[in-house]
Amino acid sequence: GENASIGDNVVIGEKVKIGVNCVIEAGAVIGSGCQIGDNCRIGVNASVCYTIMGNNCYIFTGARIGQDGFGFQVINGQHKRIPQLGRVIIGNDVEIGANSCVDRGALDDTVIGDGCRVDNLVQIAHNDKLGRGCVIVAQTGIAGSCTFGDYVVCGGQTGFADHLNIGSGAQIGAQSGLLRDVEPGAVMMGYPAIPLKDFMRQVSYLQKLSKK
């Protein structure tokens, strides 16, 4: 597109589409067939593969978008890789922080909804689907095939088991571990994560016991 800026040592594959006013910083790699919308910025040494990206997105330094997910099957005592065939679909106005990873889908697509904010060092696995406006803070790990509603907020170092459904507006406290589905609007904390009020009761009870 017009006014696109391509930095030093950038690699752009075949049949790539890059919109107007985009900035592709030094050392970035855009894999074959990717589509990048208008007013996007791809940071230094970031890589984007198997991806369709909307407008006004910022992929920060060193992020990895669209690499194969972590899928294996044991055959005759050996781990054999399951082919990953899906894409990454990123909406408009999305930011993905430095050194974060968003895996391509296995058979379905991985989807990041409009307005999401993903911090540094976050892992989003294959087939995950994030709704609009989700906030994922640093060092969170989301296992495969999880579905988030809109405006879910996850504190730092939160962990999610696979195939979970997290309802819209849910808030997950830092360092929590999610093993079950979460209802919309719930506020969760702890490992395994429980409603915040129950978690605080447990903390209070332990404090009282320790004083005795």
Foldseek 3Di string as FASTA:
>chain_A
DACEAEEACEAEEACEAAEYNEYEYAQEYEYHPEYEYECEYEEHNEYAYQEYEYYQEYEYAAEYEAAAFDAFDQDPNDTDHQAADAGEYEYYQEYAEHNEYAYAARPYGEYHEAQEYHYHQEYHGHLEYAYANEYHYHLEYEDENEYEYYHEYEAANEYEDYNEYEYDCEYEYHNEYDDHHHYHNFYWYHVPIDGPVVVVVVVVVVVVVVVD
